[in-house]
Amino acid sequence: MVARDSKAILRALKSKGFEVQGSHHLRLVLVVNGVKFGISTYISHGHKDYGDTLLALMSRQLYLSKQELLDFIDCRMGGEDYVALMQVRGHLV
């Protein structure tokens, strides 16, 4: 089983262009050059670690494979790399 700390996930997302919205369940929205895009995910205050199930859900929300998500969280994929990948896949115009 693969797990990642929710605080590490939040730090990774915020450092790579996602902005926090909301307070109950944090909604993170991708912002590039001041423009918000329709790519978003949620982080719950109630979960300390995100296991396989929650990581799989998050990977679908961010249009990544599970391994790509782990690379993103572990800083092997940068914010610019993510934006470029989303452009190639047609999720950003």
N, C-alpha and C. Protein backbone atom coordinates (compact mmCIF):
# COMPACT_ATOMS: atom_id res chain seq x y z
N MET A 1 0.83 -1.18 0.00
CA MET A 1 0.00 0.00 0.00
C MET A 1 0.88 1.25 0.00
N VAL A 2 0.52 2.18 -0.84
CA VAL A 2 1.23 3.45 -0.94
C VAL A 2 0.45 4.48 -0.14
N ALA A 3 1.14 5.32 0.60
CA ALA A 3 0.48 6.38 1.36
C ALA A 3 1.32 7.65 1.33
N ARG A 4 0.65 8.78 1.37
CA ARG A 4 1.33 10.07 1.45
C ARG A 4 0.61 10.92 2.49
N ASP A 5 1.37 11.72 3.22
CA ASP A 5 0.84 12.60 4.24
C ASP A 5 0.04 13.72 3.58
N SER A 6 -1.13 14.01 4.13
CA SER A 6 -1.99 15.03 3.53
C SER A 6 -1.33 16.41 3.54
N LYS A 7 -0.52 16.71 4.55
CA LYS A 7 0.17 18.00 4.58
C LYS A 7 1.22 18.09 3.48
N ALA A 8 1.89 16.97 3.18
CA ALA A 8 2.87 16.95 2.09
C ALA A 8 2.17 17.15 0.75
N ILE A 9 1.00 16.55 0.59
CA ILE A 9 0.23 16.72 -0.64
C ILE A 9 -0.18 18.18 -0.80
N LEU A 10 -0.67 18.78 0.28
CA LEU A 10 -1.09 20.18 0.24
C LEU A 10 0.08 21.08 -0.12
N ARG A 11 1.23 20.87 0.51
CA ARG A 11 2.43 21.68 0.20
C ARG A 11 2.82 21.54 -1.27
N ALA A 12 2.81 20.30 -1.78
CA ALA A 12 3.19 20.07 -3.17
C ALA A 12 2.25 20.78 -4.13
N LEU A 13 0.95 20.68 -3.89
CA LEU A 13 -0.02 21.32 -4.76
C LEU A 13 0.12 22.84 -4.73
N LYS A 14 0.26 23.41 -3.54
CA LYS A 14 0.37 24.86 -3.42
C LYS A 14 1.65 25.38 -4.06
N SER A 15 2.73 24.62 -3.97
CA SER A 15 4.00 25.08 -4.54
C SER A 15 4.04 24.97 -6.06
N LYS A 16 3.05 24.28 -6.63
CA LYS A 16 3.06 24.05 -8.08
C LYS A 16 1.88 24.70 -8.80
N GLY A 17 1.32 25.73 -8.18
CA GLY A 17 0.33 26.53 -8.90
C GLY A 17 -1.12 26.34 -8.48
N PHE A 18 -1.39 25.54 -7.48
CA PHE A 18 -2.76 25.36 -7.02
C PHE A 18 -3.04 26.33 -5.88
N GLU A 19 -4.23 26.92 -5.89
CA GLU A 19 -4.65 27.83 -4.84
C GLU A 19 -5.76 27.20 -4.02
N VAL A 20 -5.76 27.48 -2.72
CA VAL A 20 -6.74 26.91 -1.80
C VAL A 20 -8.01 27.74 -1.83
N GLN A 21 -9.14 27.04 -1.89
CA GLN A 21 -10.46 27.66 -1.77
C GLN A 21 -11.25 26.84 -0.77
N GLY A 22 -12.05 27.49 0.03
CA GLY A 22 -12.88 26.78 0.99
C GLY A 22 -12.16 26.54 2.29
N SER A 23 -12.92 26.08 3.27
CA SER A 23 -12.31 25.85 4.58
C SER A 23 -12.65 24.48 5.15
N HIS A 24 -13.80 23.90 4.82
CA HIS A 24 -14.16 22.60 5.39
C HIS A 24 -13.29 21.52 4.77
N HIS A 25 -13.54 21.20 3.52
CA HIS A 25 -12.63 20.37 2.74
C HIS A 25 -11.93 21.35 1.82
N LEU A 26 -10.62 21.39 1.89
CA LEU A 26 -9.88 22.34 1.08
C LEU A 26 -9.98 21.97 -0.39
N ARG A 27 -10.43 22.90 -1.20
CA ARG A 27 -10.49 22.71 -2.64
C ARG A 27 -9.29 23.45 -3.21
N LEU A 28 -8.52 22.75 -4.01
CA LEU A 28 -7.35 23.37 -4.64
C LEU A 28 -7.60 23.45 -6.13
N VAL A 29 -7.44 24.66 -6.68
CA VAL A 29 -7.71 24.93 -8.08
C VAL A 29 -6.41 25.37 -8.75
N LEU A 30 -6.16 24.84 -9.96
CA LEU A 30 -4.96 25.22 -10.70
C LEU A 30 -5.10 26.64 -11.23
N VAL A 31 -4.09 27.47 -10.94
CA VAL A 31 -4.04 28.85 -11.41
C VAL A 31 -2.71 29.03 -12.15
N VAL A 32 -2.81 29.44 -13.42
CA VAL A 32 -1.62 29.67 -14.24
C VAL A 32 -1.68 31.10 -14.75
N ASN A 33 -0.67 31.90 -14.42
CA ASN A 33 -0.60 33.31 -14.83
C ASN A 33 -1.87 34.07 -14.44
N GLY A 34 -2.37 33.80 -13.25
CA GLY A 34 -3.55 34.49 -12.75
C GLY A 34 -4.88 33.98 -13.26
N VAL A 35 -4.86 32.97 -14.12
CA VAL A 35 -6.09 32.42 -14.69
C VAL A 35 -6.41 31.08 -14.03
N LYS A 36 -7.64 30.97 -13.51
CA LYS A 36 -8.07 29.71 -12.90
C LYS A 36 -8.57 28.77 -13.98
N PHE A 37 -8.15 27.51 -13.87
CA PHE A 37 -8.58 26.50 -14.81
C PHE A 37 -9.49 25.50 -14.11
N GLY A 38 -10.13 24.65 -14.86
CA GLY A 38 -11.10 23.70 -14.32
C GLY A 38 -10.47 22.47 -13.70
N ILE A 39 -9.20 22.50 -13.42
CA ILE A 39 -8.54 21.36 -12.79
C ILE A 39 -8.48 21.63 -11.29
N SER A 40 -9.11 20.74 -10.53
CA SER A 40 -9.12 20.93 -9.08
C SER A 40 -9.19 19.59 -8.37
N THR A 41 -8.88 19.62 -7.10
CA THR A 41 -8.97 18.44 -6.25
C THR A 41 -9.29 18.90 -4.83
N TYR A 42 -9.57 17.96 -3.97
CA TYR A 42 -9.93 18.26 -2.59
C TYR A 42 -8.98 17.57 -1.63
N ILE A 43 -8.75 18.21 -0.49
CA ILE A 43 -8.01 17.58 0.60
C ILE A 43 -8.85 17.74 1.85
N SER A 44 -9.05 16.65 2.54
CA SER A 44 -9.86 16.64 3.74
C SER A 44 -9.00 16.91 4.97
N HIS A 45 -9.56 17.63 5.93
CA HIS A 45 -8.88 17.84 7.20
C HIS A 45 -8.84 16.56 8.02
N GLY A 46 -9.76 15.65 7.76
CA GLY A 46 -9.90 14.47 8.59
C GLY A 46 -8.91 13.35 8.32
N HIS A 47 -8.24 13.38 7.19
CA HIS A 47 -7.32 12.30 6.83
C HIS A 47 -5.89 12.77 7.02
N LYS A 48 -5.15 12.03 7.81
CA LYS A 48 -3.75 12.36 8.03
C LYS A 48 -2.91 11.81 6.87
N ASP A 49 -3.18 10.57 6.50
CA ASP A 49 -2.49 9.94 5.37
C ASP A 49 -3.51 9.62 4.28
N TYR A 50 -3.08 9.78 3.05
CA TYR A 50 -3.91 9.39 1.91
C TYR A 50 -3.37 8.07 1.41
N GLY A 51 -4.21 7.03 1.46
CA GLY A 51 -3.84 5.71 0.99
C GLY A 51 -4.19 5.53 -0.47
N ASP A 52 -4.15 4.28 -0.92
CA ASP A 52 -4.37 3.95 -2.32
C ASP A 52 -5.69 4.49 -2.87
N THR A 53 -6.77 4.35 -2.12
CA THR A 53 -8.08 4.75 -2.62
C THR A 53 -8.15 6.25 -2.84
N LEU A 54 -7.75 7.03 -1.84
CA LEU A 54 -7.82 8.49 -1.98
C LEU A 54 -6.81 9.02 -3.00
N LEU A 55 -5.65 8.40 -3.09
CA LEU A 55 -4.68 8.81 -4.10
C LEU A 55 -5.20 8.52 -5.51
N ALA A 56 -5.91 7.41 -5.67
CA ALA A 56 -6.49 7.08 -6.98
C ALA A 56 -7.56 8.10 -7.36
N LEU A 57 -8.39 8.49 -6.41
CA LEU A 57 -9.40 9.52 -6.68
C LEU A 57 -8.75 10.85 -7.06
N MET A 58 -7.72 11.23 -6.32
CA MET A 58 -7.03 12.49 -6.60
C MET A 58 -6.35 12.44 -7.96
N SER A 59 -5.76 11.31 -8.30
CA SER A 59 -5.08 11.22 -9.60
C SER A 59 -6.07 11.41 -10.75
N ARG A 60 -7.28 10.89 -10.61
CA ARG A 60 -8.30 11.09 -11.65
C ARG A 60 -8.71 12.57 -11.72
N GLN A 61 -8.86 13.22 -10.59
CA GLN A 61 -9.25 14.63 -10.58
C GLN A 61 -8.18 15.51 -11.23
N LEU A 62 -6.92 15.12 -11.09
CA LEU A 62 -5.81 15.91 -11.63
C LEU A 62 -5.35 15.42 -13.00
N TYR A 63 -6.06 14.43 -13.55
CA TYR A 63 -5.76 13.88 -14.89
C TYR A 63 -4.35 13.28 -14.96
N LEU A 64 -3.98 12.57 -13.92
CA LEU A 64 -2.67 11.92 -13.85
C LEU A 64 -2.85 10.44 -13.56
N SER A 65 -1.85 9.65 -13.95
CA SER A 65 -1.82 8.26 -13.49
C SER A 65 -1.40 8.30 -12.02
N LYS A 66 -1.58 7.20 -11.34
CA LYS A 66 -1.21 7.17 -9.93
C LYS A 66 0.29 7.41 -9.76
N GLN A 67 1.11 6.83 -10.63
CA GLN A 67 2.56 7.04 -10.54
C GLN A 67 2.92 8.49 -10.82
N GLU A 68 2.24 9.11 -11.79
CA GLU A 68 2.50 10.52 -12.07
C GLU A 68 2.13 11.38 -10.87
N LEU A 69 1.03 11.04 -10.19
CA LEU A 69 0.64 11.78 -8.99
C LEU A 69 1.70 11.65 -7.91
N LEU A 70 2.21 10.46 -7.71
CA LEU A 70 3.26 10.26 -6.71
C LEU A 70 4.51 11.07 -7.07
N ASP A 71 4.86 11.09 -8.35
CA ASP A 71 5.99 11.91 -8.80
C ASP A 71 5.72 13.40 -8.54
N PHE A 72 4.49 13.82 -8.75
CA PHE A 72 4.10 15.20 -8.52
C PHE A 72 4.22 15.55 -7.04
N ILE A 73 3.71 14.69 -6.17
CA ILE A 73 3.76 14.93 -4.73
C ILE A 73 5.20 14.91 -4.22
N ASP A 74 6.00 13.96 -4.73
CA ASP A 74 7.38 13.79 -4.27
C ASP A 74 8.36 14.72 -4.98
N CYS A 75 7.84 15.70 -5.73
CA CYS A 75 8.63 16.74 -6.40
C CYS A 75 9.55 16.22 -7.50
N ARG A 76 9.19 15.10 -8.10
CA ARG A 76 9.92 14.65 -9.29
C ARG A 76 9.27 15.21 -10.55
N MET A 77 8.10 15.84 -10.39
CA MET A 77 7.42 16.55 -11.48
C MET A 77 7.14 17.95 -10.97
N GLY A 78 7.63 18.93 -11.68
CA GLY A 78 7.43 20.31 -11.27
C GLY A 78 6.12 20.88 -11.78
N GLY A 79 5.81 22.08 -11.34
CA GLY A 79 4.59 22.74 -11.77
C GLY A 79 4.54 23.02 -13.26
N GLU A 80 5.67 23.45 -13.82
CA GLU A 80 5.72 23.71 -15.26
C GLU A 80 5.58 22.41 -16.05
N ASP A 81 6.15 21.34 -15.53
CA ASP A 81 6.01 20.02 -16.18
C ASP A 81 4.55 19.59 -16.19
N TYR A 82 3.86 19.84 -15.06
CA TYR A 82 2.46 19.47 -14.95
C TYR A 82 1.62 20.27 -15.95
N VAL A 83 1.84 21.57 -16.02
CA VAL A 83 1.09 22.41 -16.95
C VAL A 83 1.33 21.97 -18.38
N ALA A 84 2.58 21.69 -18.73
CA ALA A 84 2.90 21.23 -20.08
C ALA A 84 2.19 19.90 -20.39
N LEU A 85 2.18 19.00 -19.43
CA LEU A 85 1.51 17.71 -19.60
C LEU A 85 0.01 17.90 -19.81
N MET A 86 -0.59 18.81 -19.06
CA MET A 86 -2.03 19.07 -19.20
C MET A 86 -2.34 19.71 -20.54
N GLN A 87 -1.42 20.53 -21.06
CA GLN A 87 -1.62 21.13 -22.39
C GLN A 87 -1.56 20.04 -23.47
N VAL A 88 -0.58 19.15 -23.34
CA VAL A 88 -0.44 18.06 -24.32
C VAL A 88 -1.68 17.16 -24.31
N ARG A 89 -2.22 16.92 -23.13
CA ARG A 89 -3.38 16.03 -22.98
C ARG A 89 -4.70 16.75 -23.29
N GLY A 90 -4.65 18.05 -23.57
CA GLY A 90 -5.83 18.79 -23.94
C GLY A 90 -6.68 19.29 -22.80
N HIS A 91 -6.17 19.30 -21.58
CA HIS A 91 -6.94 19.78 -20.44
C HIS A 91 -6.75 21.27 -20.21
N LEU A 92 -5.71 21.84 -20.80
CA LEU A 92 -5.47 23.29 -20.77
C LEU A 92 -5.30 23.76 -22.20
N VAL A 93 -5.88 24.88 -22.49
CA VAL A 93 -5.78 25.40 -23.86
C VAL A 93 -4.84 26.57 -23.90
